[in-house]
Protein backbone atom coordinates (compact mmCIF):
# COMPACT_ATOMS: atom_id res chain seq x y z
CA MET A 1 70.03 174.71 234.41
CA PRO A 2 71.03 171.46 233.19
CA GLY A 3 72.68 169.55 235.67
CA THR A 4 76.04 166.72 235.68
CA PHE A 5 75.45 163.39 236.84
CA SER A 6 78.17 161.65 238.09
CA TYR A 7 78.40 157.15 237.67
CA HIS A 8 81.48 155.57 239.69
CA PHE A 9 82.98 152.78 237.90
CA ASP A 10 83.95 150.25 239.90
CA THR A 11 85.31 147.22 237.94
CA PRO A 12 88.92 145.20 237.87
CA ALA A 13 89.50 147.52 234.63
CA TYR A 14 88.81 151.35 235.85
CA LYS A 15 88.04 152.05 239.15
CA GLY A 16 86.70 156.16 239.84
CA THR A 17 84.22 158.36 239.44
CA VAL A 18 83.35 160.37 236.42
CA THR A 19 80.92 163.75 235.92
CA ILE A 20 79.51 164.14 232.82
CA PRO A 21 77.57 167.65 232.11
CA THR A 22 73.91 166.28 230.80
CA GLY A 23 73.03 169.51 228.52
CA LEU A 24 73.62 170.69 224.98
CA PHE A 25 76.53 172.69 224.32
CA ILE A 26 76.29 175.81 222.68
CA GLY A 27 78.07 178.54 223.25
CA GLY A 28 81.14 178.30 225.12
CA ALA A 29 78.38 176.91 227.63
CA PHE A 30 75.83 173.70 229.11
CA VAL A 31 72.18 175.07 228.39
CA ASP A 32 69.13 172.91 228.30
CA GLY A 33 67.09 172.20 225.25
CA SER A 34 64.14 174.53 224.42
CA ASP A 35 61.49 171.85 225.05
CA ARG A 36 63.62 170.74 228.38
CA SER A 37 63.15 167.51 227.00
CA THR A 38 65.35 164.23 228.01
CA ILE A 39 66.92 161.56 225.86
CA ASP A 40 67.46 157.93 228.16
CA VAL A 41 70.61 156.78 228.21
CA VAL A 42 70.93 153.43 228.88
CA ASN A 43 73.42 150.74 229.70
CA PRO A 44 73.84 147.87 226.46
CA ALA A 45 75.41 145.63 229.29
CA ASN A 46 72.04 144.84 231.22
CA GLY A 47 69.59 147.27 229.86
CA LYS A 48 69.00 149.68 232.39
CA LEU A 49 68.67 153.05 232.15
CA VAL A 50 72.07 155.23 233.48
CA THR A 51 71.24 158.86 232.95
CA LYS A 52 68.89 161.28 231.08
CA VAL A 53 70.24 163.92 228.50
CA CYS A 54 68.77 166.98 227.29
CA GLU A 55 67.03 166.75 223.75
CA ALA A 56 67.45 169.12 221.50
CA THR A 57 64.91 170.64 219.21
CA VAL A 58 64.95 172.12 215.67
CA GLN A 59 64.73 175.80 218.03
CA ASP A 60 67.98 174.87 219.83
CA VAL A 61 70.01 174.15 216.11
CA ASP A 62 68.54 178.08 215.19
CA ILE A 63 71.07 178.82 218.25
CA ALA A 64 73.47 176.71 217.86
CA VAL A 65 74.13 177.84 214.25
CA LYS A 66 74.02 181.15 215.08
CA ALA A 67 77.10 180.82 217.71
CA ALA A 68 78.95 178.96 215.77
CA ARG A 69 79.07 181.65 212.91
CA ASP A 70 79.34 184.69 215.28
CA ALA A 71 82.36 182.68 216.92
CA VAL A 72 83.50 182.69 213.01
CA ALA A 73 82.67 186.21 212.72
CA SER A 74 84.45 187.28 216.13
CA SER A 75 86.89 185.37 217.18
CA TRP A 76 87.46 182.48 215.04
CA GLY A 77 88.34 181.35 210.83
CA LEU A 78 90.43 184.48 209.51
CA ASN A 79 90.56 185.67 213.16
CA ALA A 80 92.34 182.78 214.71
CA SER A 81 96.13 182.63 212.97
CA GLY A 82 96.28 178.74 212.49
CA ALA A 83 99.25 178.59 215.17
CA GLN A 84 96.13 179.54 217.34
CA ARG A 85 94.24 176.81 216.07
CA GLY A 86 97.09 174.37 216.64
CA GLU A 87 97.90 174.71 219.34
CA LEU A 88 94.04 174.75 221.35
CA LEU A 89 93.88 171.29 219.65
CA ASN A 90 97.22 170.31 221.25
CA LYS A 91 95.98 171.47 224.59
CA LEU A 92 92.77 168.98 223.48
CA ALA A 93 94.92 166.33 222.88
CA ALA A 94 96.65 166.54 226.52
CA LEU A 95 93.62 167.05 227.89
CA MET A 96 92.42 163.81 226.34
CA GLU A 97 95.43 161.97 227.31
CA ALA A 98 94.78 162.53 231.15
CA ALA A 99 91.23 161.96 230.70
CA LYS A 100 91.85 158.51 228.84
CA ASP A 101 90.54 156.30 231.42
CA GLU A 102 87.48 158.69 231.77
CA LEU A 103 87.26 158.52 228.14
CA SER A 104 87.70 154.73 227.70
CA ALA A 105 85.33 154.06 231.14
CA LEU A 106 82.98 156.01 228.81
CA GLU A 107 83.14 154.61 225.65
CA ALA A 108 82.28 151.22 227.42
CA LEU A 109 79.47 152.13 229.49
CA ASP A 110 77.74 153.65 226.50
CA ASN A 111 78.45 151.77 223.27
CA GLY A 112 79.65 148.52 224.90
CA LYS A 113 82.96 148.03 223.54
CA THR A 114 85.64 146.61 225.97
CA PHE A 115 87.56 149.01 228.30
CA THR A 116 90.37 147.58 226.30
CA TRP A 117 89.82 147.84 223.16
CA ALA A 118 87.92 151.30 224.04
CA LYS A 119 91.42 152.82 225.32
CA THR A 120 93.95 151.18 223.08
CA VAL A 121 92.55 151.73 219.83
CA ASP A 122 89.70 154.45 220.14
CA VAL A 123 90.81 156.98 222.89
CA ASP A 124 94.17 156.63 221.04
CA PHE A 125 93.80 157.30 217.67
CA SER A 126 91.55 159.75 218.54
CA ILE A 127 94.78 161.56 220.37
CA GLN A 128 96.47 160.77 217.77
CA THR A 129 94.25 162.25 214.66
CA ILE A 130 93.33 165.31 217.11
CA LYS A 131 97.04 165.55 217.04
CA TYR A 132 97.67 165.30 213.29
CA TYR A 133 95.37 167.82 212.20
CA ALA A 134 97.10 170.63 215.32
CA GLY A 135 100.12 170.12 212.79
CA TRP A 136 98.18 170.83 209.23
CA ALA A 137 96.37 173.78 211.63
CA ASP A 138 98.71 177.27 210.59
CA LYS A 139 98.72 174.85 206.67
CA ILE A 140 95.47 175.49 205.74
CA THR A 141 92.57 177.75 206.33
CA GLY A 142 88.41 177.00 205.85
CA GLN A 143 84.65 177.81 206.28
CA THR A 144 81.93 176.61 208.32
CA ILE A 145 80.63 172.59 208.99
CA GLU A 146 78.02 170.53 210.47
CA GLY A 147 78.69 166.74 211.55
CA THR A 148 76.67 163.82 213.10
CA PHE A 149 78.59 160.57 214.36
CA PRO A 150 78.26 157.21 216.63
CA ALA A 151 81.31 157.70 219.38
CA LEU A 152 84.87 159.12 220.22
CA LEU A 153 86.67 157.88 217.08
CA MET A 154 84.02 159.54 214.90
CA PHE A 155 83.63 162.52 216.79
CA ALA A 156 87.84 163.14 216.85
CA TRP A 157 87.68 162.66 212.53
CA LYS A 158 85.11 164.87 212.12
CA ILE A 159 85.78 167.97 214.70
CA ALA A 160 90.02 167.76 214.02
CA PRO A 161 90.04 168.87 210.25
CA ALA A 162 87.29 171.29 210.32
CA LEU A 163 89.05 173.34 213.56
CA ALA A 164 92.59 172.77 211.79
CA THR A 165 90.90 174.81 208.67
CA GLY A 166 89.63 177.63 211.38
CA ASN A 167 85.57 175.90 210.99
CA ALA A 168 83.20 176.24 213.83
CA ILE A 169 80.80 173.39 214.46
CA VAL A 170 77.10 172.09 215.29
CA LEU A 171 77.02 168.46 216.05
CA LYS A 172 74.72 165.72 216.68
CA PRO A 173 76.09 162.63 218.21
CA SER A 174 74.00 159.80 218.15
CA GLU A 175 71.08 159.54 220.31
CA PHE A 176 72.51 156.16 221.13
CA THR A 177 75.88 157.35 222.19
CA PRO A 178 76.08 160.58 223.36
CA LEU A 179 77.83 160.35 227.14
CA THR A 180 81.42 160.68 225.28
CA ALA A 181 80.62 163.66 223.15
CA LEU A 182 79.18 165.67 226.35
CA ARG A 183 82.07 164.71 227.85
CA MET A 184 84.97 165.95 225.32
CA CYS A 185 82.95 169.45 225.59
CA ALA A 186 83.97 169.85 229.29
CA LEU A 187 87.41 169.12 227.48
CA ILE A 188 86.79 171.56 224.62
CA GLN A 189 85.82 174.12 227.51
CA GLU A 190 88.61 173.50 229.64
CA ALA A 191 91.09 173.79 226.30
CA GLY A 192 89.96 177.21 225.79
CA PHE A 193 88.25 177.07 222.64
CA PRO A 194 86.41 180.42 221.91
CA PRO A 195 82.82 179.94 222.41
CA GLY A 196 80.02 178.81 219.79
CA VAL A 197 83.37 176.98 217.66
CA VAL A 198 81.61 173.54 219.06
CA ASN A 199 77.96 173.67 219.71
CA VAL A 200 76.50 170.38 220.78
CA VAL A 201 73.06 169.21 220.62
CA THR A 202 71.97 165.97 221.62
CA GLY A 203 68.37 164.73 219.79
CA TYR A 204 66.83 163.04 217.14
CA GLY A 205 67.75 162.12 213.81
CA HIS A 206 64.24 162.76 212.35
CA THR A 207 63.95 166.49 214.26
CA VAL A 208 67.96 167.91 214.98
CA GLY A 209 69.17 165.88 212.28
CA ALA A 210 66.70 167.09 209.78
CA ALA A 211 66.98 170.44 210.46
CA ILE A 212 71.08 170.15 210.55
CA SER A 213 70.43 169.10 207.20
CA SER A 214 68.30 171.72 205.72
CA HIS A 215 69.62 174.30 208.00
CA MET A 216 70.13 177.59 204.95
CA GLY A 217 72.75 178.89 207.51
CA ILE A 218 75.13 175.76 207.98
CA ASP A 219 78.11 175.47 204.67
CA LYS A 220 78.60 172.00 204.91
CA ILE A 221 77.53 168.38 206.48
CA ALA A 222 79.64 165.91 207.62
CA PHE A 223 77.92 162.56 208.13
CA THR A 224 78.63 159.58 209.34
CA GLY A 225 76.37 156.23 209.35
CA SER A 226 74.27 154.56 207.49
CA THR A 227 73.34 154.77 203.48
CA LEU A 228 69.54 155.16 204.06
CA MET A 229 70.03 157.90 206.23
CA GLY A 230 73.15 159.30 203.52
CA ARG A 231 70.68 159.02 200.97
CA LYS A 232 67.96 161.60 203.15
CA ILE A 233 70.92 163.83 204.25
CA MET A 234 72.14 164.66 200.66
CA GLU A 235 68.82 165.36 199.45
CA ALA A 236 67.92 167.32 202.36
CA ALA A 237 71.37 169.46 201.49
CA ALA A 238 70.32 169.79 197.89
CA LYS A 239 66.87 171.15 198.61
CA SER A 240 68.23 173.82 200.74
CA ASN A 241 71.17 176.20 200.49
CA LEU A 242 72.83 173.62 198.08
CA LYS A 243 75.31 172.48 200.47
CA PRO A 244 78.12 170.16 199.98
CA VAL A 245 78.15 166.49 202.32
CA THR A 246 80.92 164.35 202.76
CA LEU A 247 79.49 160.54 203.20
CA GLU A 248 81.12 157.50 205.52
CA LEU A 249 78.58 155.24 204.91
CA GLY A 250 78.37 151.62 205.04
CA GLY A 251 79.99 149.14 204.11
CA LYS A 252 79.74 144.34 203.29
CA SER A 253 83.16 144.53 203.09
CA PRO A 254 84.91 141.09 201.73
CA ASN A 255 87.53 139.45 202.60
CA ILE A 256 89.56 137.12 200.50
CA ILE A 257 91.76 134.48 201.30
CA PHE A 258 93.69 132.32 198.99
CA ASP A 259 95.35 129.04 199.37
CA ASP A 260 98.54 130.32 199.61
CA ALA A 261 97.48 132.60 202.48
CA ASP A 262 100.01 132.50 205.62
CA LEU A 263 96.66 130.32 206.83
CA GLU A 264 97.22 131.45 211.19
CA ASN A 265 97.65 134.94 210.19
CA ALA A 266 94.87 135.18 207.98
CA VAL A 267 92.13 133.24 210.62
CA GLU A 268 93.66 136.09 213.79
CA TRP A 269 92.95 139.15 211.07
CA ALA A 270 90.41 137.79 209.33
CA ALA A 271 88.94 137.31 213.29
CA HIS A 272 90.01 140.72 214.00
CA GLY A 273 88.11 142.42 210.91
CA LEU A 274 84.36 139.97 210.81
CA TYR A 275 84.41 140.73 215.55
CA TRP A 276 86.60 144.39 216.12
CA ASN A 277 84.00 146.57 218.47
CA HIS A 278 81.43 143.33 217.96
CA GLY A 279 81.34 143.68 215.00
CA ALA A 280 80.09 146.78 214.84
CA ALA A 281 82.19 148.83 211.81
CA CYS A 282 81.45 150.15 209.15
CA CYS A 283 84.48 148.35 207.24
CA ALA A 284 83.97 144.63 209.08
CA GLY A 285 85.20 142.22 206.71
CA SER A 286 81.89 140.10 206.97
CA ARG A 287 82.39 138.57 203.28
CA ILE A 288 84.77 136.02 204.08
CA PHE A 289 86.12 134.55 200.53
CA VAL A 290 87.92 131.27 201.83
CA GLN A 291 89.88 129.57 197.70
CA SER A 292 88.82 125.77 198.06
CA GLY A 293 92.03 124.49 198.60
CA ILE A 294 92.52 125.32 202.26
CA TYR A 295 88.40 125.95 202.62
CA ASP A 296 87.91 123.41 205.05
CA ALA A 297 90.70 123.79 207.00
CA PHE A 298 90.10 127.43 207.40
CA LEU A 299 86.61 126.75 208.36
CA GLU A 300 87.84 124.94 210.94
CA LYS A 301 90.47 127.47 211.84
CA PHE A 302 88.27 130.35 211.81
CA THR A 303 85.77 128.28 213.55
CA GLU A 304 87.71 127.70 216.53
CA ARG A 305 89.10 131.30 216.97
CA SER A 306 85.28 132.57 217.06
CA LYS A 307 84.28 129.87 219.46
CA SER A 308 87.53 131.10 221.64
CA ILE A 309 85.78 134.82 222.14
CA ARG A 310 85.03 135.71 224.98
CA ILE A 311 81.32 137.64 225.74
CA GLY A 312 80.33 139.45 228.59
CA ASP A 313 80.92 142.62 230.89
CA PRO A 314 83.16 145.13 228.81
CA PHE A 315 84.58 146.40 231.81
CA SER A 316 86.33 142.47 232.34
CA SER A 317 90.17 142.37 231.73
CA ASP A 318 89.55 138.82 230.58
CA VAL A 319 86.72 139.63 228.07
CA ASP A 320 86.47 140.62 224.00
CA GLN A 321 83.08 141.50 222.99
CA GLY A 322 80.78 143.36 225.24
CA PRO A 323 77.38 143.82 224.38
CA MET A 324 75.74 145.91 221.26
CA SER A 325 75.16 149.42 221.40
CA SER A 326 70.89 149.20 222.28
CA GLU A 327 68.05 147.23 221.87
CA ALA A 328 66.96 148.36 218.82
CA GLN A 329 70.58 147.46 216.94
CA PHE A 330 70.63 143.92 219.13
CA ASN A 331 66.73 143.17 217.60
CA ARG A 332 68.44 144.51 213.66
CA ILE A 333 71.02 141.91 214.11
CA MET A 334 69.08 139.05 215.57
CA GLY A 335 66.48 139.82 212.52
CA TYR A 336 69.34 139.35 209.63
CA ILE A 337 69.90 135.72 211.69
CA ASP A 338 66.28 134.58 211.31
CA SER A 339 66.23 136.11 208.27
CA GLY A 340 69.66 134.19 206.79
CA LYS A 341 67.94 130.78 208.35
CA GLU A 342 64.78 131.38 206.67
CA GLN A 343 66.94 131.54 203.21
CA GLY A 344 68.22 128.18 203.73
CA ALA A 345 71.73 129.95 205.04
CA THR A 346 73.92 127.24 207.43
CA VAL A 347 74.43 128.53 211.07
CA HIS A 348 78.19 127.04 211.37
CA ILE A 349 77.95 128.81 214.86
CA GLY A 350 76.12 131.52 216.87
CA GLY A 351 72.96 132.75 215.51
CA ASP A 352 71.65 133.65 219.22
CA ARG A 353 72.11 135.67 221.80
CA PHE A 354 74.37 135.65 225.00
CA GLY A 355 73.28 135.38 228.36
CA ASN A 356 69.63 136.66 229.85
CA GLU A 357 70.63 140.16 230.10
CA GLY A 358 71.69 142.89 227.92
CA TYR A 359 72.29 143.12 224.17
CA TYR A 360 74.79 140.17 223.49
CA ILE A 361 74.87 137.84 220.33
CA ASN A 362 77.04 135.01 220.52
CA PRO A 363 79.91 134.73 217.34
CA THR A 364 78.04 133.43 214.60
CA ILE A 365 79.45 132.09 211.00
CA PHE A 366 76.70 131.97 208.34
CA THR A 367 78.14 129.01 205.49
CA ASN A 368 75.92 127.54 202.12
CA THR A 369 75.11 130.89 201.53
CA ARG A 370 73.41 132.25 198.37
CA PRO A 371 74.58 135.94 196.11
CA ASP A 372 70.99 136.94 197.15
CA MET A 373 70.57 136.55 201.09
CA LYS A 374 70.50 140.16 202.68
CA ILE A 375 72.91 138.01 204.55
CA VAL A 376 75.01 138.69 202.01
CA GLN A 377 73.92 142.07 200.55
CA GLU A 378 73.37 144.11 203.50
CA GLU A 379 75.40 145.89 206.22
CA ILE A 380 74.53 143.78 209.55
CA PHE A 381 76.90 146.02 211.97
CA GLY A 382 77.48 143.11 213.99
CA PRO A 383 79.27 139.92 215.15
CA VAL A 384 77.79 138.20 211.81
CA GLY A 385 79.68 136.65 208.81
CA VAL A 386 79.34 133.89 205.86
CA LEU A 387 82.19 132.07 204.80
CA ILE A 388 81.74 131.86 200.95
CA LYS A 389 84.39 129.80 198.64
CA PHE A 390 85.81 130.15 195.72
CA ASP A 391 88.02 128.76 192.94
CA ASP A 392 90.61 131.34 191.32
CA GLU A 393 90.80 135.00 190.83
CA ASP A 394 88.46 135.74 188.74
CA ASP A 395 86.07 134.02 190.35
CA VAL A 396 86.48 136.14 193.58
CA ILE A 397 86.98 139.67 192.32
CA ARG A 398 83.24 138.65 190.46
CA GLN A 399 81.81 137.94 193.56
CA ALA A 400 83.54 140.52 196.01
CA ASN A 401 82.80 143.85 193.69
CA ASP A 402 78.93 142.20 193.46
CA THR A 403 77.80 144.70 195.89
CA LEU A 404 75.95 148.14 196.26
CA TYR A 405 78.46 148.86 198.87
CA GLY A 406 82.41 149.48 198.30
CA LEU A 407 84.77 150.78 201.76
CA ALA A 408 87.00 148.17 202.47
CA ALA A 409 88.53 145.09 201.46
CA GLY A 410 91.15 142.07 202.40
CA VAL A 411 93.33 140.52 200.60
CA PHE A 412 95.55 137.70 202.31
CA SER A 413 98.32 136.11 199.86
CA GLN A 414 101.94 135.12 200.03
CA ASP A 415 102.31 136.29 196.21
CA ILE A 416 102.40 140.08 196.61
CA ASN A 417 101.80 140.48 193.12
CA ARG A 418 99.13 138.48 192.88
CA ALA A 419 97.71 140.46 196.16
CA ILE A 420 98.46 144.01 194.88
CA ARG A 421 96.96 142.72 191.61
CA THR A 422 93.63 141.61 193.24
CA ALA A 423 93.70 144.95 195.32
CA HIS A 424 93.38 147.42 193.03
CA ARG A 425 90.68 145.12 191.44
CA LEU A 426 88.92 145.49 194.12
CA GLN A 427 85.95 148.17 193.82
CA ALA A 428 87.51 149.80 197.58
CA GLY A 429 88.15 152.41 199.10
CA THR A 430 90.90 151.27 201.50
CA ALA A 431 92.43 147.50 200.23
CA TRP A 432 94.55 146.36 203.35
CA VAL A 433 97.00 143.40 202.12
CA ASN A 434 97.45 140.44 205.08
CA CYS A 435 95.88 142.70 207.55
CA PHE A 436 92.43 144.30 207.90
CA ASN A 437 90.95 146.69 210.31
CA HIS A 438 94.36 148.70 210.30
CA PHE A 439 94.43 152.26 210.34
CA ARG A 440 96.53 155.87 210.59
CA ALA A 441 95.75 159.34 210.91
CA ASN A 442 97.58 160.12 207.86
CA VAL A 443 95.90 157.86 205.59
CA PRO A 444 92.50 158.57 203.64
CA PHE A 445 89.45 156.25 204.60
CA GLY A 446 86.20 156.43 202.60
CA GLY A 447 84.11 154.39 200.35
CA TYR A 448 82.95 153.55 197.01
CA LYS A 449 79.92 153.59 195.34
CA GLN A 450 77.09 153.65 198.05
CA SER A 451 79.83 153.37 201.04
CA GLY A 452 79.34 157.57 200.44
CA ILE A 453 81.58 160.82 199.54
CA GLY A 454 85.03 161.81 200.22
CA ARG A 455 87.30 160.79 203.09
CA GLU A 456 88.55 161.28 206.05
CA MET A 457 91.77 161.66 207.43
CA GLY A 458 95.01 162.27 206.27
CA GLU A 459 95.25 165.60 203.91
CA TYR A 460 92.53 164.40 201.63
CA ALA A 461 90.38 165.25 204.39
CA LEU A 462 91.16 168.49 204.38
CA HIS A 463 89.69 169.96 200.97
CA HIS A 464 86.19 168.95 202.93
CA TYR A 465 86.60 171.65 205.10
CA THR A 466 87.90 174.44 202.84
CA ASN A 467 86.95 176.98 200.12
CA VAL A 468 89.45 177.79 197.30
CA LYS A 469 89.53 181.22 195.96
CA SER A 470 90.80 183.11 193.71
CA VAL A 471 91.75 186.54 193.83
CA HIS A 472 93.15 188.08 190.82
CA ILE A 473 95.28 192.10 191.27
CA ASN A 474 96.03 194.25 188.20
CA LEU A 475 99.46 196.07 189.81
CA GLY A 476 99.01 199.04 187.24
CA HIS A 477 99.13 197.07 183.87
CA ARG A 478 96.36 198.87 181.10
CA MET A 479 94.53 196.71 178.76
């Protein structure tokens, strides 16, 4: 049987010991993988091994799918009322509230984000999401799903609407950040969900992820990740049982600053839009368009704001930005920075690593870019942004929409008519006006174009986890 591992946190932000199961979570119990192989979990702050967790195989996916389908047939789905499902979700939210510090500490350890951000944003928002869908549970019905996502917030966005609608879940978290998902399994177990309703298989995308995507026993897929992987999942789903998919994919979101914007406000929100979660956000405002009349003033203030970002141990209370989540992601980001330099863009600030240990990157701003550059067109998923000057509204709309993506966008202007007009012309699933990266559990989130299919959150998400059936009954009328 798999064991647990305990990690003692002795930091200014949190002091305590967190115990985490290291096994797969299948059929309501923690179990070893079929091959008894493991995955290394590395602390991105120093590159050192934290623990090893069980690695799932294709055979384990089969076992998890059977457990999920058995749960729907016996104790879940139509066999559990909406009121019961809502009660369990509310109990899970209460357990998460009690374990808020533990979950926040694991997010910081696993993902590299700061403890403060994890606690005040990710964990709080995850709890709000669970509670929101608990309220929907007795108002809808559903079937069976699967999901793959990186950390706690994505975990909550996926499981909450799925469980509210009576689905059973087979979930593959990122192999880089599995700890929070495993800790959540213990809370799900404690909350009293029937065995098999939630199953977590930690493993690699090319084995476990591929098996899930093509599995004939899985009726629906929900995925958060790169556009490249989204294409592969969609193809596998089509080739198997033509299962429907919802995809929350990449972005290269424009943030538009007009001449009449409140400059101080725009600078603060632009920094939040680009650097939140160390830039590892699919909706990051990484293309900052500034109108020519305030370009120089904005650049000066945004430079000062970027230089003020404090980098270091994510558990320090005076740190704003932690490390990237893995060595692979660190190398990928540095590769994009090198590409920008090679293609002739100007590194205004940053462009290098921070310190000699861990996967830290200094906040980076490129200027003097061209639309065809990789740093302008491709998602970087790190603290790297480009600053682009524009002349007028038509000019910036053309540039902003010149992308394969369409996840989010920001508009800063004190002319509300222009702000709303611009928001409507932008090809993006979410448009923020005079703010950025601002979420609510009851507001849908998703993208246009190659940023995805379907929507997370709000009532819209529920429709992805239900099947509509029409039943026609003849009450005795003859032909």
